[in-house]
Amino acid sequence: MRKPRDIDAELRALAEKAKQLKERRVQQLGELVIATGADRIDAETLAGALLVIAETSEAQRKEAWRKRGAAFFQSKSDKAGKRTRREPDSARQADSGAAQA
């Protein structure tokens, strides 16, 4: 005989997973704001700019923004790739600390 499913437990697990995904998205958006330097802009101005972006229906403008964003992420990944090829800063600090001891 099959074991009965605990639907309530499955729903709780799904709700928890949805909560974690939402928290992760909020954190990633915050990191994006910081990475772009938009954290230096006051909240009202940033909200206004985001509203204009969300309300824009011009495909050309949206595509230009998308390309600029893609270039931003590409330049970030290029810089990160160069760092991984070199010795990481943390490894250098650990070596210098060991040499001083």
N, C-alpha and C. Protein backbone atom coordinates (compact mmCIF):
# COMPACT_ATOMS: atom_id res chain seq x y z
N MET A 1 0.83 -1.17 0.00
CA MET A 1 0.00 0.00 0.00
C MET A 1 0.89 1.25 0.00
N ARG A 2 0.46 2.25 -0.75
CA ARG A 2 1.23 3.49 -0.85
C ARG A 2 1.08 4.34 0.39
N LYS A 3 2.15 5.06 0.69
CA LYS A 3 2.14 6.00 1.81
C LYS A 3 1.35 7.23 1.38
N PRO A 4 0.42 7.71 2.20
CA PRO A 4 -0.36 8.89 1.82
C PRO A 4 0.53 10.14 1.81
N ARG A 5 0.23 11.03 0.88
CA ARG A 5 1.00 12.27 0.76
C ARG A 5 0.55 13.25 1.83
N ASP A 6 1.51 13.97 2.37
CA ASP A 6 1.21 15.03 3.34
C ASP A 6 1.17 16.34 2.56
N ILE A 7 0.00 16.65 2.05
CA ILE A 7 -0.19 17.83 1.20
C ILE A 7 0.17 19.10 1.97
N ASP A 8 -0.22 19.19 3.23
CA ASP A 8 0.09 20.39 4.02
C ASP A 8 1.60 20.60 4.14
N ALA A 9 2.34 19.54 4.37
CA ALA A 9 3.80 19.65 4.47
C ALA A 9 4.39 20.07 3.14
N GLU A 10 3.88 19.54 2.05
CA GLU A 10 4.37 19.92 0.73
C GLU A 10 4.08 21.40 0.45
N LEU A 11 2.90 21.87 0.85
CA LEU A 11 2.56 23.28 0.66
C LEU A 11 3.45 24.19 1.50
N ARG A 12 3.72 23.76 2.73
CA ARG A 12 4.62 24.56 3.57
C ARG A 12 6.02 24.61 2.96
N ALA A 13 6.49 23.49 2.44
CA ALA A 13 7.81 23.45 1.81
C ALA A 13 7.85 24.35 0.58
N LEU A 14 6.80 24.32 -0.22
CA LEU A 14 6.74 25.18 -1.41
C LEU A 14 6.68 26.65 -1.02
N ALA A 15 5.92 26.97 0.02
CA ALA A 15 5.84 28.36 0.48
C ALA A 15 7.20 28.84 0.99
N GLU A 16 7.90 27.98 1.69
CA GLU A 16 9.24 28.34 2.19
C GLU A 16 10.21 28.55 1.02
N LYS A 17 10.12 27.68 0.02
CA LYS A 17 10.98 27.81 -1.17
C LYS A 17 10.68 29.13 -1.89
N ALA A 18 9.40 29.46 -2.03
CA ALA A 18 9.01 30.72 -2.69
C ALA A 18 9.54 31.92 -1.90
N LYS A 19 9.47 31.84 -0.58
CA LYS A 19 9.98 32.92 0.27
C LYS A 19 11.49 33.08 0.08
N GLN A 20 12.21 31.96 0.03
CA GLN A 20 13.67 32.01 -0.17
C GLN A 20 14.02 32.60 -1.53
N LEU A 21 13.27 32.22 -2.56
CA LEU A 21 13.52 32.76 -3.90
C LEU A 21 13.26 34.26 -3.95
N LYS A 22 12.20 34.71 -3.27
CA LYS A 22 11.90 36.14 -3.24
C LYS A 22 13.00 36.90 -2.50
N GLU A 23 13.46 36.37 -1.37
CA GLU A 23 14.53 37.01 -0.61
C GLU A 23 15.81 37.08 -1.44
N ARG A 24 16.09 36.02 -2.19
CA ARG A 24 17.28 35.99 -3.04
C ARG A 24 17.19 37.04 -4.14
N ARG A 25 16.00 37.18 -4.72
CA ARG A 25 15.81 38.18 -5.79
C ARG A 25 15.99 39.59 -5.23
N VAL A 26 15.43 39.85 -4.05
CA VAL A 26 15.56 41.17 -3.44
C VAL A 26 17.04 41.45 -3.16
N GLN A 27 17.76 40.47 -2.66
CA GLN A 27 19.18 40.65 -2.38
C GLN A 27 19.95 40.93 -3.67
N GLN A 28 19.64 40.18 -4.73
CA GLN A 28 20.33 40.38 -6.01
C GLN A 28 20.04 41.77 -6.58
N LEU A 29 18.80 42.24 -6.44
CA LEU A 29 18.48 43.58 -6.92
C LEU A 29 19.24 44.64 -6.13
N GLY A 30 19.36 44.44 -4.83
CA GLY A 30 20.15 45.36 -4.01
C GLY A 30 21.61 45.38 -4.43
N GLU A 31 22.15 44.18 -4.71
CA GLU A 31 23.53 44.09 -5.16
C GLU A 31 23.71 44.77 -6.51
N LEU A 32 22.70 44.67 -7.37
CA LEU A 32 22.76 45.33 -8.68
C LEU A 32 22.77 46.84 -8.52
N VAL A 33 21.95 47.35 -7.62
CA VAL A 33 21.92 48.79 -7.37
C VAL A 33 23.29 49.26 -6.90
N ILE A 34 23.91 48.51 -6.02
CA ILE A 34 25.23 48.88 -5.51
C ILE A 34 26.29 48.77 -6.61
N ALA A 35 26.25 47.69 -7.37
CA ALA A 35 27.25 47.47 -8.43
C ALA A 35 27.22 48.55 -9.49
N THR A 36 26.04 49.07 -9.79
CA THR A 36 25.93 50.10 -10.81
C THR A 36 26.21 51.50 -10.28
N GLY A 37 26.35 51.61 -8.96
CA GLY A 37 26.59 52.92 -8.37
C GLY A 37 25.31 53.68 -8.10
N ALA A 38 24.17 53.06 -8.35
CA ALA A 38 22.89 53.73 -8.16
C ALA A 38 22.54 53.91 -6.69
N ASP A 39 23.31 53.31 -5.80
CA ASP A 39 23.07 53.49 -4.36
C ASP A 39 23.43 54.90 -3.91
N ARG A 40 24.13 55.64 -4.74
CA ARG A 40 24.48 57.03 -4.41
C ARG A 40 23.34 57.99 -4.76
N ILE A 41 22.33 57.48 -5.44
CA ILE A 41 21.18 58.30 -5.83
C ILE A 41 20.12 58.19 -4.74
N ASP A 42 19.43 59.31 -4.46
CA ASP A 42 18.39 59.23 -3.43
C ASP A 42 17.25 58.32 -3.91
N ALA A 43 16.54 57.75 -2.96
CA ALA A 43 15.53 56.73 -3.25
C ALA A 43 14.42 57.25 -4.16
N GLU A 44 14.01 58.49 -3.98
CA GLU A 44 12.93 59.04 -4.81
C GLU A 44 13.35 59.14 -6.27
N THR A 45 14.56 59.59 -6.51
CA THR A 45 15.06 59.71 -7.89
C THR A 45 15.20 58.34 -8.54
N LEU A 46 15.75 57.41 -7.79
CA LEU A 46 15.92 56.05 -8.31
C LEU A 46 14.56 55.43 -8.62
N ALA A 47 13.60 55.60 -7.72
CA ALA A 47 12.25 55.06 -7.96
C ALA A 47 11.62 55.71 -9.19
N GLY A 48 11.79 57.01 -9.34
CA GLY A 48 11.25 57.69 -10.52
C GLY A 48 11.85 57.17 -11.81
N ALA A 49 13.17 56.97 -11.80
CA ALA A 49 13.84 56.44 -13.01
C ALA A 49 13.34 55.04 -13.33
N LEU A 50 13.20 54.22 -12.30
CA LEU A 50 12.72 52.85 -12.52
C LEU A 50 11.28 52.84 -13.03
N LEU A 51 10.47 53.77 -12.54
CA LEU A 51 9.10 53.85 -13.03
C LEU A 51 9.06 54.23 -14.51
N VAL A 52 9.92 55.16 -14.91
CA VAL A 52 9.98 55.55 -16.32
C VAL A 52 10.39 54.34 -17.17
N ILE A 53 11.37 53.59 -16.69
CA ILE A 53 11.82 52.40 -17.42
C ILE A 53 10.69 51.40 -17.55
N ALA A 54 9.98 51.16 -16.45
CA ALA A 54 8.90 50.18 -16.44
C ALA A 54 7.74 50.60 -17.35
N GLU A 55 7.51 51.90 -17.46
CA GLU A 55 6.40 52.41 -18.26
C GLU A 55 6.75 52.58 -19.73
N THR A 56 8.02 52.54 -20.08
CA THR A 56 8.44 52.76 -21.46
C THR A 56 8.00 51.60 -22.34
N SER A 57 7.42 51.96 -23.46
CA SER A 57 6.99 50.93 -24.40
C SER A 57 7.79 50.98 -25.71
N GLU A 58 8.76 51.89 -25.77
CA GLU A 58 9.57 52.03 -26.98
C GLU A 58 10.58 50.88 -27.07
N ALA A 59 10.41 50.04 -28.06
CA ALA A 59 11.27 48.86 -28.21
C ALA A 59 12.73 49.25 -28.44
N GLN A 60 12.97 50.29 -29.22
CA GLN A 60 14.35 50.71 -29.51
C GLN A 60 15.06 51.15 -28.24
N ARG A 61 14.37 51.92 -27.44
CA ARG A 61 14.97 52.41 -26.20
C ARG A 61 15.26 51.25 -25.25
N LYS A 62 14.30 50.33 -25.13
CA LYS A 62 14.50 49.16 -24.26
C LYS A 62 15.67 48.31 -24.75
N GLU A 63 15.79 48.16 -26.05
CA GLU A 63 16.90 47.38 -26.60
C GLU A 63 18.24 48.06 -26.34
N ALA A 64 18.27 49.37 -26.43
CA ALA A 64 19.51 50.11 -26.14
C ALA A 64 19.89 49.92 -24.67
N TRP A 65 18.91 49.98 -23.77
CA TRP A 65 19.17 49.76 -22.35
C TRP A 65 19.65 48.34 -22.11
N ARG A 66 19.03 47.39 -22.79
CA ARG A 66 19.41 45.99 -22.63
C ARG A 66 20.85 45.77 -23.06
N LYS A 67 21.23 46.36 -24.20
CA LYS A 67 22.60 46.22 -24.69
C LYS A 67 23.60 46.86 -23.73
N ARG A 68 23.25 48.01 -23.19
CA ARG A 68 24.13 48.67 -22.24
C ARG A 68 24.29 47.82 -20.98
N GLY A 69 23.20 47.23 -20.53
CA GLY A 69 23.25 46.35 -19.36
C GLY A 69 24.08 45.11 -19.63
N ALA A 70 23.92 44.53 -20.81
CA ALA A 70 24.71 43.36 -21.17
C ALA A 70 26.19 43.70 -21.21
N ALA A 71 26.52 44.87 -21.74
CA ALA A 71 27.92 45.31 -21.77
C ALA A 71 28.45 45.50 -20.36
N PHE A 72 27.62 46.03 -19.46
CA PHE A 72 28.02 46.21 -18.07
C PHE A 72 28.37 44.87 -17.44
N PHE A 73 27.49 43.88 -17.61
CA PHE A 73 27.75 42.57 -17.03
C PHE A 73 28.95 41.90 -17.68
N GLN A 74 29.14 42.11 -18.97
CA GLN A 74 30.28 41.52 -19.67
C GLN A 74 31.58 42.11 -19.13
N SER A 75 31.59 43.42 -18.92
CA SER A 75 32.81 44.05 -18.39
C SER A 75 33.08 43.56 -16.97
N LYS A 76 32.03 43.34 -16.18
CA LYS A 76 32.20 42.81 -14.82
C LYS A 76 32.77 41.41 -14.86
N SER A 77 32.26 40.57 -15.77
CA SER A 77 32.76 39.19 -15.83
C SER A 77 34.18 39.15 -16.39
N ASP A 78 34.53 40.08 -17.29
CA ASP A 78 35.90 40.14 -17.80
C ASP A 78 36.86 40.48 -16.68
N LYS A 79 36.46 41.45 -15.83
CA LYS A 79 37.31 41.84 -14.71
C LYS A 79 37.43 40.70 -13.71
N ALA A 80 36.35 39.99 -13.47
CA ALA A 80 36.38 38.87 -12.53
C ALA A 80 37.24 37.75 -13.08
N GLY A 81 37.19 37.53 -14.39
CA GLY A 81 38.01 36.49 -15.01
C GLY A 81 39.48 36.79 -14.89
N LYS A 82 39.85 38.05 -15.02
CA LYS A 82 41.26 38.43 -14.88
C LYS A 82 41.72 38.20 -13.45
N ARG A 83 40.85 38.47 -12.47
CA ARG A 83 41.21 38.26 -11.07
C ARG A 83 41.41 36.78 -10.76
N THR A 84 40.59 35.92 -11.36
CA THR A 84 40.72 34.49 -11.05
C THR A 84 41.97 33.90 -11.67
N ARG A 85 42.44 34.49 -12.75
CA ARG A 85 43.66 33.98 -13.37
C ARG A 85 44.88 34.35 -12.54
N ARG A 86 44.82 35.52 -11.90
CA ARG A 86 45.90 35.92 -11.01
C ARG A 86 45.68 35.28 -9.65
N GLU A 87 46.64 35.47 -8.78
CA GLU A 87 46.49 34.99 -7.42
C GLU A 87 45.49 35.89 -6.70
N PRO A 88 44.48 35.33 -6.07
CA PRO A 88 43.48 36.17 -5.39
C PRO A 88 44.10 36.99 -4.27
N ASP A 89 43.50 38.14 -3.97
CA ASP A 89 44.00 39.02 -2.91
C ASP A 89 44.05 38.30 -1.58
N SER A 90 43.06 37.47 -1.30
CA SER A 90 43.02 36.78 -0.02
C SER A 90 44.20 35.83 0.13
N ALA A 91 44.62 35.20 -0.96
CA ALA A 91 45.76 34.28 -0.91
C ALA A 91 47.05 35.08 -0.68
N ARG A 92 47.14 36.26 -1.32
CA ARG A 92 48.31 37.10 -1.13
C ARG A 92 48.41 37.56 0.32
N GLN A 93 47.29 37.94 0.90
CA GLN A 93 47.29 38.40 2.29
C GLN A 93 47.68 37.27 3.23
N ALA A 94 47.21 36.07 2.95
CA ALA A 94 47.55 34.93 3.80
C ALA A 94 49.06 34.64 3.72
N ASP A 95 49.63 34.74 2.51
CA ASP A 95 51.05 34.50 2.34
C ASP A 95 51.86 35.58 3.06
N SER A 96 51.45 36.83 2.96
CA SER A 96 52.22 37.89 3.61
C SER A 96 52.12 37.79 5.12
N GLY A 97 50.98 37.33 5.63
CA GLY A 97 50.83 37.13 7.05
C GLY A 97 51.69 36.01 7.55
N ALA A 98 51.84 34.96 6.75
CA ALA A 98 52.68 33.84 7.15
C ALA A 98 54.16 34.23 7.09
N ALA A 99 54.50 35.09 6.14
CA ALA A 99 55.90 35.50 6.01
C ALA A 99 56.30 36.42 7.16
N GLN A 100 55.35 37.21 7.66
CA GLN A 100 55.64 38.12 8.76
C GLN A 100 55.78 37.39 10.08
N ALA A 101 55.10 36.26 10.24
CA ALA A 101 55.08 35.54 11.53
C ALA A 101 56.39 34.86 11.84
